[in-house]
Amino acid sequence: MESRVFEFGSEEIKVLYDTKRCIHVAECVNGLPEVFNPKRRPWVDADAAPASEIAEVIQRCPTGALQMECTGAAEQAATVGENTVTVAADGPLYLRGDIELVAGDGTVLLRDTRVALCRCGASKNKPLCDGQHSKVGFRDGGEFTVESRAESTEPGRLTAKVLPNGPVSLSGSFRLCDAGDGESFQVKRSFCRCGESDNKPFCDGTHGGVGFEAD
């Protein structure tokens, strides 16, 4: 995974922006255009709104491309809630909560509260999404059917283990949400990373037949 981080600060808050994780969902631009304006240089003005408002909008960023360092009221906006995994239509898996991303050998790659994982197989920054799904024409409605579910989620870490040349295996309690209104409570599930599964978003072993390669 690659990162390229820029800093924009005020006396109350420091905004960190990782260009390698941004896929231009535009929650920041739509939420506080006076602070986040891509037509301006620098494009982030951390003095243009109260730190608490900036912090709240940063938490809407589903990929974790925007982070912050702050204290007081603004810091409260970073509180971690329940673990959720949302399957975006024609897009990535959005993980939110207490997230730990690990390699197949157990090496911790990333700890965060917001992560977007590639589903199309074309990202150049695997296992993270880099927006390639739009360029390669990836199509999946993001809806699913599950046959079993837990009754509710339990507090704790959600671990996303990236299996070499295979799926990402999620373990730990989480609420799984589709692009429509469906949801289920899960404790473990393997999700397709190659983009070719006939049972999207879940892995069906197709990666082995299509020669998918990714650490």
Protein backbone atom coordinates (compact mmCIF):
# COMPACT_ATOMS: atom_id res chain seq x y z
CA MET A 1 0.00 0.00 0.00
CA GLU A 2 1.12 3.52 -0.75
CA SER A 3 0.41 6.80 1.02
CA ARG A 4 1.00 10.45 0.22
CA VAL A 5 -0.12 12.69 3.06
CA PHE A 6 -0.51 16.47 3.12
CA GLU A 7 -1.19 18.56 6.23
CA PHE A 8 -3.41 21.62 6.63
CA GLY A 9 -3.71 23.18 10.06
CA SER A 10 -5.20 25.80 12.33
CA GLU A 11 -4.69 26.44 16.03
CA GLU A 12 -7.44 23.95 16.91
CA ILE A 13 -7.21 21.21 14.31
CA LYS A 14 -4.74 19.64 11.89
CA VAL A 15 -6.29 18.09 8.78
CA LEU A 16 -4.36 15.21 7.19
CA TYR A 17 -5.11 14.25 3.59
CA ASP A 18 -3.84 11.03 1.97
CA THR A 19 -4.15 11.34 -1.81
CA LYS A 20 -3.61 7.60 -2.27
CA ARG A 21 -6.77 6.77 -0.33
CA CYS A 22 -9.05 9.42 -1.81
CA ILE A 23 -11.58 8.23 -4.40
CA HIS A 24 -13.43 11.57 -4.58
CA VAL A 25 -16.67 10.61 -2.88
CA ALA A 26 -16.84 14.34 -2.05
CA GLU A 27 -18.44 14.10 1.40
CA CYS A 28 -16.02 16.82 2.52
CA VAL A 29 -16.67 19.15 -0.41
CA ASN A 30 -20.44 18.80 -0.07
CA GLY A 31 -20.35 19.02 3.71
CA LEU A 32 -18.16 22.11 4.18
CA PRO A 33 -17.35 23.75 0.83
CA GLU A 34 -15.91 26.79 2.59
CA VAL A 35 -13.22 24.52 4.09
CA PHE A 36 -12.80 21.90 1.36
CA ASN A 37 -12.60 23.50 -2.08
CA PRO A 38 -10.68 21.57 -4.78
CA LYS A 39 -10.66 24.66 -7.02
CA ARG A 40 -8.57 26.56 -4.47
CA ARG A 41 -4.90 26.20 -3.52
CA PRO A 42 -4.40 25.07 -0.87
CA TRP A 43 -7.70 23.27 -1.18
CA VAL A 44 -8.21 22.93 2.61
CA ASP A 45 -8.67 26.05 4.77
CA ALA A 46 -8.81 24.82 8.37
CA ASP A 47 -9.59 28.35 9.62
CA ALA A 48 -12.79 28.67 7.60
CA ALA A 49 -15.07 26.84 10.07
CA PRO A 50 -15.09 25.76 13.73
CA ALA A 51 -12.86 22.76 14.44
CA SER A 52 -15.84 20.73 15.69
CA GLU A 53 -17.64 21.15 12.35
CA ILE A 54 -14.54 20.21 10.39
CA ALA A 55 -14.03 17.14 12.55
CA GLU A 56 -17.63 16.03 12.01
CA VAL A 57 -17.29 16.29 8.24
CA ILE A 58 -13.95 14.47 8.24
CA GLN A 59 -15.67 11.54 9.92
CA ARG A 60 -18.01 11.29 6.92
CA CYS A 61 -15.08 10.44 4.63
CA PRO A 62 -15.68 6.72 4.00
CA THR A 63 -12.16 5.87 2.84
CA GLY A 64 -10.14 7.39 5.67
CA ALA A 65 -8.32 9.67 3.22
CA LEU A 66 -9.10 12.53 5.60
CA GLN A 67 -7.83 12.29 9.17
CA MET A 68 -7.37 14.84 11.93
CA GLU A 69 -5.41 15.71 15.03
CA CYS A 70 -7.32 17.82 17.51
CA THR A 71 -8.47 18.25 21.11
CA GLY A 72 -11.62 19.19 23.00
CA ALA A 73 -14.99 19.27 21.27
CA ALA A 74 -13.52 18.39 17.89
CA GLU A 75 -11.89 15.27 19.29
CA GLN A 76 -15.28 13.93 20.40
CA ALA A 77 -16.31 13.58 16.75
CA ALA A 78 -13.74 10.80 16.33
CA THR A 79 -15.57 8.42 18.68
CA VAL A 80 -15.66 4.91 17.24
CA GLY A 81 -19.14 3.39 16.87
CA GLU A 82 -20.25 -0.11 15.95
CA ASN A 83 -18.43 -2.03 13.26
CA THR A 84 -20.19 -1.83 9.89
CA VAL A 85 -19.34 -3.12 6.42
CA THR A 86 -21.22 -1.52 3.54
CA VAL A 87 -21.19 -2.94 0.02
CA ALA A 88 -21.22 -0.01 -2.39
CA ALA A 89 -22.99 -0.46 -5.72
CA ASP A 90 -20.33 -0.74 -8.45
CA GLY A 91 -17.74 0.19 -5.83
CA PRO A 92 -15.71 -0.88 -2.82
CA LEU A 93 -16.38 -2.32 0.61
CA TYR A 94 -16.62 0.48 3.16
CA LEU A 95 -15.50 -0.60 6.62
CA ARG A 96 -16.21 1.60 9.62
CA GLY A 97 -15.54 1.08 13.32
CA ASP A 98 -12.50 -0.38 15.08
CA ILE A 99 -10.71 -1.67 12.00
CA GLU A 100 -7.45 -3.59 11.72
CA LEU A 101 -6.17 -4.51 8.25
CA VAL A 102 -3.63 -7.34 8.25
CA ALA A 103 -1.63 -9.25 5.66
CA GLY A 104 -1.87 -12.99 5.21
CA ASP A 105 1.10 -13.53 7.53
CA GLY A 106 -0.54 -11.48 10.27
CA THR A 107 1.48 -8.29 9.72
CA VAL A 108 -0.63 -5.26 10.62
CA LEU A 109 -0.96 -3.03 7.56
CA LEU A 110 -3.32 -0.39 8.93
CA ARG A 111 -5.43 0.50 11.95
CA ASP A 112 -8.19 3.01 11.38
CA THR A 113 -11.87 3.79 11.85
CA ARG A 114 -12.67 4.10 8.12
CA VAL A 115 -11.30 1.98 5.28
CA ALA A 116 -12.35 1.32 1.66
CA LEU A 117 -11.32 -2.06 0.23
CA CYS A 118 -11.12 -2.85 -3.50
CA ARG A 119 -13.76 -5.22 -4.92
CA CYS A 120 -13.05 -4.86 -8.65
CA GLY A 121 -9.57 -6.36 -8.61
CA ALA A 122 -8.08 -3.45 -10.57
CA SER A 123 -6.84 -1.14 -7.80
CA LYS A 124 -3.18 -0.18 -8.08
CA ASN A 125 -3.05 0.26 -4.31
CA LYS A 126 -4.49 -3.09 -3.18
CA PRO A 127 -6.06 -3.99 -0.88
CA LEU A 128 -7.32 -0.39 -0.69
CA CYS A 129 -9.68 1.06 -3.26
CA ASP A 130 -8.19 3.74 -5.51
CA GLY A 131 -11.22 4.42 -7.70
CA GLN A 132 -10.27 2.09 -10.54
CA HIS A 133 -13.73 0.47 -10.42
CA SER A 134 -15.09 3.49 -12.31
CA LYS A 135 -12.40 3.30 -14.99
CA VAL A 136 -12.70 -0.44 -15.65
CA GLY A 137 -16.50 -0.48 -15.67
CA PHE A 138 -16.94 -2.72 -12.64
CA ARG A 139 -20.60 -3.57 -12.16
CA ASP A 140 -22.27 -5.08 -9.14
CA GLY A 141 -25.49 -3.82 -7.59
CA GLY A 142 -24.17 -4.25 -4.08
CA GLU A 143 -27.17 -6.30 -2.94
CA PHE A 144 -26.95 -9.74 -1.39
CA THR A 145 -28.84 -12.48 0.40
CA VAL A 146 -27.59 -14.18 3.53
CA GLU A 147 -28.97 -17.40 4.96
CA SER A 148 -27.78 -17.02 8.53
CA ARG A 149 -26.98 -14.18 10.85
CA ALA A 150 -26.07 -13.35 14.40
CA GLU A 151 -28.62 -11.54 16.56
CA SER A 152 -26.52 -8.44 17.11
CA THR A 153 -23.02 -7.05 17.03
CA GLU A 154 -20.65 -7.16 19.99
CA PRO A 155 -18.06 -4.49 20.79
CA GLY A 156 -14.54 -5.23 19.64
CA ARG A 157 -12.14 -5.03 16.76
CA LEU A 158 -13.03 -5.96 13.20
CA THR A 159 -10.04 -7.64 11.56
CA ALA A 160 -9.75 -7.68 7.78
CA LYS A 161 -7.19 -10.29 6.74
CA VAL A 162 -6.00 -10.05 3.15
CA LEU A 163 -5.32 -13.55 1.82
CA PRO A 164 -2.59 -13.73 -0.87
CA ASN A 165 -4.13 -14.05 -4.34
CA GLY A 166 -7.49 -14.49 -2.67
CA PRO A 167 -10.31 -12.82 -0.75
CA VAL A 168 -10.34 -10.60 2.29
CA SER A 169 -11.58 -12.46 5.35
CA LEU A 170 -13.43 -10.41 7.95
CA SER A 171 -13.58 -11.63 11.52
CA GLY A 172 -15.11 -9.95 14.53
CA SER A 173 -18.68 -8.82 14.99
CA PHE A 174 -20.03 -6.42 12.36
CA ARG A 175 -23.24 -5.22 10.75
CA LEU A 176 -23.23 -5.97 7.02
CA CYS A 177 -25.21 -3.52 4.88
CA ASP A 178 -26.00 -3.74 1.17
CA ALA A 179 -26.56 -0.93 -1.31
CA GLY A 180 -30.31 -1.20 -0.75
CA ASP A 181 -32.03 -1.69 2.58
CA GLY A 182 -30.72 -5.14 3.45
CA GLU A 183 -28.52 -5.86 6.45
CA SER A 184 -27.38 -8.73 8.62
CA PHE A 185 -25.20 -9.21 11.66
CA GLN A 186 -22.08 -11.24 10.96
CA VAL A 187 -19.09 -12.54 12.87
CA LYS A 188 -17.05 -13.81 9.90
CA ARG A 189 -17.22 -13.64 6.12
CA SER A 190 -14.92 -13.79 3.07
CA PHE A 191 -15.36 -11.12 0.40
CA CYS A 192 -14.30 -11.18 -3.25
CA ARG A 193 -11.26 -9.12 -4.24
CA CYS A 194 -10.81 -10.32 -7.83
CA GLY A 195 -14.08 -8.84 -9.10
CA GLU A 196 -15.12 -12.08 -10.82
CA SER A 197 -17.15 -13.96 -8.19
CA ASP A 198 -20.61 -15.10 -9.25
CA ASN A 199 -21.75 -14.59 -5.67
CA LYS A 200 -20.66 -10.97 -5.13
CA PRO A 201 -19.85 -9.49 -2.75
CA PHE A 202 -18.80 -12.85 -1.29
CA CYS A 203 -15.92 -15.01 -2.47
CA ASP A 204 -16.80 -18.18 -4.39
CA GLY A 205 -13.26 -19.31 -5.25
CA THR A 206 -13.23 -17.84 -8.76
CA HIS A 207 -9.95 -16.02 -8.03
CA GLY A 208 -8.11 -19.33 -8.45
CA GLY A 209 -9.44 -19.86 -11.96
CA VAL A 210 -8.86 -16.35 -13.28
CA GLY A 211 -5.26 -16.06 -12.08
CA PHE A 212 -5.88 -13.19 -9.68
CA GLU A 213 -2.63 -12.01 -8.11
CA ALA A 214 -2.40 -9.66 -5.16
CA ASP A 215 -0.60 -9.78 -1.83
